[in-house]
Amino acid sequence: MSSFLRQADAEEPPLTLSPDHSVYRPVSSHLAIAPPVSVVIPAMNEAENLPYVFKTLPDWIHEVILVDGNSTDDTVQVARDLWPGVTVVPQRGKGKGDALISGFAACTGEIIVMIDADGSADGGEIVSYVSALVSGADFAKGSRFANGGGTDDMTPIRKLGNRILTAVVNTKFGARYTDLCYGYNAFWRRCLDEIALDCAGFEVETLMNIRVVKAGLRVQEIPSHEYNRIHGVSNLRAVRDGLRVLKVILRERGSRRNRAARPALITGNAR
């Protein structure tokens, strides 16, 4: 399917057919897209947070994939009540990487957006990610530290760790990232063949960021604001998961590059 933008007529529903007979989906009164967008949400016991997450999702997305990590609360039922067409996928394995891999496999859209279920991300930003992709990027990477981004949820130790790990990846792999460990990203589904994910935990985000660079894919950073988790406690542990991220970096540094890397296309300036 072609990847391009089309101006939508505010007076008429912009659901005309493109040359390849796909239906345009209205994004706003001035913009419509052809590629269907899948949103993947890994969740475990997030019933209280899902109303906030789903409230921000745009109605033009193609599908929502909820990956349930064996929740013991009403996570699945709440998701079905909020989004009747939601696809619920049982998670294989235990970590976030396992959940995302399960969710990606279930997607039918050409564009995949990954977003957390704790209410920390604004689904309204999805349009910025999709716009970057249909404008030529292969991978749209959220950044809390690009100009226009921000975070309410990072402790000083996590900020320091993220900054150090980002610098290591930039140095070792020729990237120009301003943020490394952030779970709000979007990409063309075809990219999954290039990055071949194979890790179980929170380090999956770092693995993706490294492998898109090693594969020579076009990356554009998207300024994003991370809010505080609304309910519950995060399973993230700064030291434990930081060490797992470092282990992935060292492992990937010793593996073969798929293609010559190209610098990330950065939007805005680092803070």
Protein backbone atom coordinates (compact mmCIF):
# COMPACT_ATOMS: atom_id res chain seq x y z
CA MET A 1 0.00 0.00 0.00
CA SER A 2 1.25 3.44 -0.79
CA SER A 3 2.50 5.63 2.03
CA PHE A 4 1.57 9.25 1.59
CA LEU A 5 -0.57 12.06 2.96
CA ARG A 6 -3.71 13.44 1.40
CA GLN A 7 -5.55 16.63 2.26
CA ALA A 8 -9.03 15.81 3.51
CA ASP A 9 -12.00 17.99 2.67
CA ALA A 10 -13.53 19.36 5.86
CA GLU A 11 -16.93 19.55 4.13
CA GLU A 12 -17.11 15.90 3.11
CA PRO A 13 -15.98 12.63 4.72
CA PRO A 14 -12.54 11.87 3.23
CA LEU A 15 -13.26 8.19 2.62
CA THR A 16 -12.43 8.11 -1.07
CA LEU A 17 -10.41 5.34 -2.66
CA SER A 18 -6.72 5.66 -3.39
CA PRO A 19 -5.26 4.34 -6.66
CA ASP A 20 -4.68 0.96 -5.03
CA HIS A 21 -8.32 0.89 -3.80
CA SER A 22 -7.57 1.39 -0.11
CA VAL A 23 -9.88 3.51 2.04
CA TYR A 24 -8.56 6.76 3.45
CA ARG A 25 -8.92 7.17 7.22
CA PRO A 26 -9.54 10.70 8.51
CA VAL A 27 -6.92 11.88 11.00
CA SER A 28 -8.20 15.45 11.29
CA SER A 29 -10.34 17.84 9.27
CA HIS A 30 -7.33 18.51 7.03
CA LEU A 31 -5.53 15.18 6.86
CA ALA A 32 -6.26 11.57 5.93
CA ILE A 33 -4.09 8.49 5.51
CA ALA A 34 -4.32 5.23 3.64
CA PRO A 35 -2.16 2.77 5.63
CA PRO A 36 -4.10 1.01 8.43
CA VAL A 37 -2.63 1.58 11.90
CA SER A 38 -2.46 -1.09 14.63
CA VAL A 39 -1.92 -0.09 18.26
CA VAL A 40 -0.32 -2.68 20.56
CA ILE A 41 -0.87 -2.32 24.31
CA PRO A 42 0.85 -4.81 26.64
CA ALA A 43 -1.07 -4.95 29.93
CA MET A 44 -1.05 -6.84 33.19
CA ASN A 45 -3.53 -5.81 35.88
CA GLU A 46 -4.15 -2.40 34.33
CA ALA A 47 -7.96 -2.32 34.58
CA GLU A 48 -7.93 1.01 36.44
CA ASN A 49 -5.61 2.67 33.91
CA LEU A 50 -7.16 1.47 30.65
CA PRO A 51 -10.02 4.02 30.67
CA TYR A 52 -7.42 6.81 30.56
CA VAL A 53 -5.42 5.04 27.85
CA PHE A 54 -8.35 4.27 25.56
CA LYS A 55 -9.84 7.74 26.01
CA THR A 56 -6.82 9.26 24.27
CA LEU A 57 -6.70 6.82 21.33
CA PRO A 58 -7.83 8.36 18.02
CA ASP A 59 -10.92 6.78 16.47
CA TRP A 60 -9.30 6.47 13.04
CA ILE A 61 -6.90 3.68 14.03
CA HIS A 62 -7.46 0.33 12.34
CA GLU A 63 -7.24 -1.95 15.38
CA VAL A 64 -6.21 -2.22 19.01
CA ILE A 65 -4.24 -5.27 20.13
CA LEU A 66 -4.29 -5.78 23.90
CA VAL A 67 -1.68 -8.28 25.06
CA ASP A 68 -2.82 -9.67 28.39
CA GLY A 69 -0.06 -10.82 30.74
CA ASN A 70 -2.29 -13.20 32.73
CA SER A 71 -4.09 -10.39 34.55
CA THR A 72 -5.93 -11.25 37.75
CA ASP A 73 -8.16 -8.16 37.63
CA ASP A 74 -10.72 -7.07 35.00
CA THR A 75 -8.16 -5.83 32.46
CA VAL A 76 -9.57 -7.89 29.57
CA GLN A 77 -13.23 -7.12 30.25
CA VAL A 78 -12.54 -3.41 30.71
CA ALA A 79 -10.69 -3.33 27.39
CA ARG A 80 -13.60 -5.03 25.62
CA ASP A 81 -16.10 -2.64 27.17
CA LEU A 82 -14.05 0.39 26.17
CA TRP A 83 -13.15 -0.78 22.65
CA PRO A 84 -15.62 -3.48 21.51
CA GLY A 85 -13.49 -4.47 18.53
CA VAL A 86 -10.30 -4.95 20.57
CA THR A 87 -8.22 -8.05 19.83
CA VAL A 88 -7.06 -9.71 23.04
CA VAL A 89 -3.89 -11.78 22.75
CA PRO A 90 -2.63 -13.97 25.62
CA GLN A 91 0.98 -13.16 26.36
CA ARG A 92 3.59 -15.81 25.80
CA GLY A 93 6.36 -15.62 28.38
CA LYS A 94 6.50 -13.13 31.25
CA GLY A 95 8.31 -9.92 30.24
CA LYS A 96 7.48 -6.82 28.20
CA GLY A 97 9.55 -8.09 25.28
CA ASP A 98 7.52 -11.30 25.21
CA ALA A 99 4.30 -9.28 25.33
CA LEU A 100 5.27 -7.00 22.45
CA ILE A 101 6.44 -9.88 20.29
CA SER A 102 3.06 -11.58 20.85
CA GLY A 103 1.21 -8.38 20.02
CA PHE A 104 3.21 -7.58 16.90
CA ALA A 105 2.50 -11.06 15.52
CA ALA A 106 -1.24 -10.40 15.78
CA CYS A 107 -1.21 -7.06 13.94
CA THR A 108 -2.86 -6.74 10.53
CA GLY A 109 -2.12 -3.04 9.98
CA GLU A 110 0.79 -1.73 7.93
CA ILE A 111 1.83 0.65 10.71
CA ILE A 112 2.34 -0.57 14.27
CA VAL A 113 2.28 1.74 17.29
CA MET A 114 3.42 0.46 20.70
CA ILE A 115 2.09 2.23 23.78
CA ASP A 116 2.07 1.48 27.51
CA ALA A 117 -1.09 0.65 29.47
CA ASP A 118 -0.31 2.66 32.61
CA GLY A 119 -1.71 5.99 31.41
CA SER A 120 1.73 7.59 31.03
CA ALA A 121 1.44 8.12 27.27
CA ASP A 122 -0.95 10.35 25.35
CA GLY A 123 -2.59 8.51 22.45
CA GLY A 124 -3.20 11.87 20.83
CA GLU A 125 0.49 11.92 19.89
CA ILE A 126 -0.01 8.94 17.56
CA VAL A 127 -0.74 11.30 14.68
CA SER A 128 2.81 12.70 14.95
CA TYR A 129 4.31 9.21 14.77
CA VAL A 130 2.17 8.21 11.81
CA SER A 131 2.91 11.47 9.99
CA ALA A 132 6.65 10.79 10.31
CA LEU A 133 6.22 7.30 8.85
CA VAL A 134 4.07 8.27 5.88
CA SER A 135 6.52 11.11 5.20
CA GLY A 136 9.41 8.69 4.70
CA ALA A 137 10.67 7.34 8.03
CA ASP A 138 10.81 3.60 8.69
CA PHE A 139 10.82 3.92 12.47
CA ALA A 140 9.32 6.78 14.51
CA LYS A 141 10.98 6.81 17.92
CA GLY A 142 9.48 8.66 20.86
CA SER A 143 11.83 10.88 22.83
CA ARG A 144 11.21 12.56 26.16
CA PHE A 145 14.38 14.63 25.75
CA ALA A 146 13.98 15.99 22.23
CA ASN A 147 12.85 19.60 22.04
CA GLY A 148 9.13 19.58 22.86
CA GLY A 149 9.23 16.35 24.87
CA GLY A 150 9.24 15.84 28.62
CA THR A 151 8.70 13.44 31.50
CA ASP A 152 6.96 13.54 34.86
CA ASP A 153 7.87 9.96 35.72
CA MET A 154 11.67 9.60 35.76
CA THR A 155 13.69 9.65 38.95
CA PRO A 156 17.14 11.30 38.88
CA ILE A 157 18.86 7.92 38.89
CA ARG A 158 16.79 6.71 35.94
CA LYS A 159 17.50 9.93 34.01
CA LEU A 160 21.22 9.53 34.63
CA GLY A 161 21.17 5.87 33.63
CA ASN A 162 19.18 6.60 30.48
CA ARG A 163 21.58 9.41 29.53
CA ILE A 164 24.63 7.21 29.97
CA LEU A 165 23.14 4.26 28.08
CA THR A 166 21.99 6.56 25.28
CA ALA A 167 25.52 7.96 24.95
CA VAL A 168 26.95 4.44 24.79
CA VAL A 169 24.56 3.41 22.01
CA ASN A 170 25.24 6.59 20.06
CA THR A 171 28.98 6.03 20.33
CA LYS A 172 28.99 2.32 19.58
CA PHE A 173 26.40 2.22 16.81
CA GLY A 174 26.63 5.64 15.16
CA ALA A 175 23.15 6.73 16.25
CA ARG A 176 22.08 10.24 17.32
CA TYR A 177 19.38 9.40 19.82
CA THR A 178 18.30 11.73 22.61
CA ASP A 179 16.39 9.00 24.48
CA LEU A 180 16.93 5.25 24.60
CA CYS A 181 14.64 3.48 27.07
CA TYR A 182 11.17 4.69 26.07
CA GLY A 183 8.26 2.47 25.10
CA TYR A 184 6.29 4.80 22.81
CA ASN A 185 7.34 4.05 19.23
CA ALA A 186 5.84 3.33 15.81
CA PHE A 187 7.09 1.61 12.69
CA TRP A 188 6.11 -0.05 9.43
CA ARG A 189 5.26 -3.71 10.00
CA ARG A 190 7.81 -4.73 7.38
CA CYS A 191 10.54 -3.55 9.78
CA LEU A 192 9.92 -6.60 11.97
CA ASP A 193 11.74 -8.71 9.39
CA GLU A 194 14.76 -6.42 9.72
CA ILE A 195 15.01 -6.30 13.52
CA ALA A 196 13.93 -9.86 14.50
CA LEU A 197 13.16 -9.27 18.18
CA ASP A 198 14.34 -11.95 20.59
CA CYS A 199 14.41 -10.64 24.16
CA ALA A 200 11.94 -10.97 27.02
CA GLY A 201 12.07 -7.91 29.27
CA PHE A 202 12.11 -4.10 29.36
CA GLU A 203 15.34 -4.14 27.36
CA VAL A 204 13.25 -4.79 24.24
CA GLU A 205 13.04 -1.04 23.56
CA THR A 206 16.82 -0.72 23.53
CA LEU A 207 17.13 -3.77 21.30
CA MET A 208 14.72 -2.26 18.78
CA ASN A 209 16.56 1.07 18.78
CA ILE A 210 19.89 -0.62 18.16
CA ARG A 211 18.69 -2.99 15.47
CA VAL A 212 16.92 -0.35 13.40
CA VAL A 213 20.23 1.52 13.22
CA LYS A 214 22.18 -1.64 12.40
CA ALA A 215 19.65 -2.42 9.67
CA GLY A 216 20.13 1.01 8.10
CA LEU A 217 16.48 2.00 8.57
CA ARG A 218 15.39 5.63 8.52
CA VAL A 219 14.68 6.78 12.08
CA GLN A 220 12.92 9.97 13.14
CA GLU A 221 12.59 11.01 16.76
CA ILE A 222 9.20 12.30 17.88
CA PRO A 223 9.04 14.64 20.91
CA SER A 224 6.78 12.96 23.47
CA HIS A 225 5.61 13.75 26.99
CA GLU A 226 5.58 10.96 29.55
CA TYR A 227 3.10 11.40 32.40
CA ASN A 228 3.05 9.69 35.78
CA ARG A 229 1.52 6.24 36.03
CA ILE A 230 -2.07 6.82 37.17
CA HIS A 231 -2.72 3.72 39.27
CA GLY A 232 -0.57 0.88 40.52
CA VAL A 233 3.17 0.35 40.72
CA SER A 234 5.57 -0.16 37.82
CA ASN A 235 7.43 -3.45 37.44
CA LEU A 236 10.48 -1.53 36.20
CA ARG A 237 13.55 -1.75 38.46
CA ALA A 238 16.21 0.83 37.56
CA VAL A 239 19.35 -1.10 38.47
CA ARG A 240 18.20 -4.58 37.46
CA ASP A 241 16.75 -3.48 34.15
CA GLY A 242 19.61 -1.05 33.49
CA LEU A 243 22.03 -3.95 33.70
CA ARG A 244 19.88 -5.96 31.30
CA VAL A 245 19.94 -3.03 28.87
CA LEU A 246 23.72 -2.81 29.14
CA LYS A 247 23.99 -6.55 28.48
CA VAL A 248 21.94 -6.14 25.28
CA ILE A 249 24.17 -3.27 24.14
CA LEU A 250 27.32 -5.32 24.64
CA ARG A 251 25.81 -8.34 22.91
CA GLU A 252 24.64 -6.34 19.92
CA ARG A 253 27.99 -4.59 19.61
CA GLY A 254 29.63 -7.96 19.09
CA SER A 255 27.14 -9.16 16.49
CA ARG A 256 27.26 -8.55 12.75
CA ARG A 257 25.64 -5.47 11.26
CA ASN A 258 22.91 -6.17 8.72
CA ARG A 259 23.62 -3.06 6.65
CA ALA A 260 25.67 0.08 6.85
CA ALA A 261 24.11 2.24 9.55
CA ARG A 262 22.85 5.72 8.77
CA PRO A 263 22.39 8.47 11.37
CA ALA A 264 18.98 8.90 12.95
CA LEU A 265 16.91 11.77 11.59
CA ILE A 266 16.45 13.91 14.66
CA THR A 267 13.48 16.24 15.20
CA GLY A 268 14.31 19.11 17.54
CA ASN A 269 17.27 19.57 19.85
CA ALA A 270 18.28 17.53 22.86
CA ARG A 271 17.52 18.98 26.28
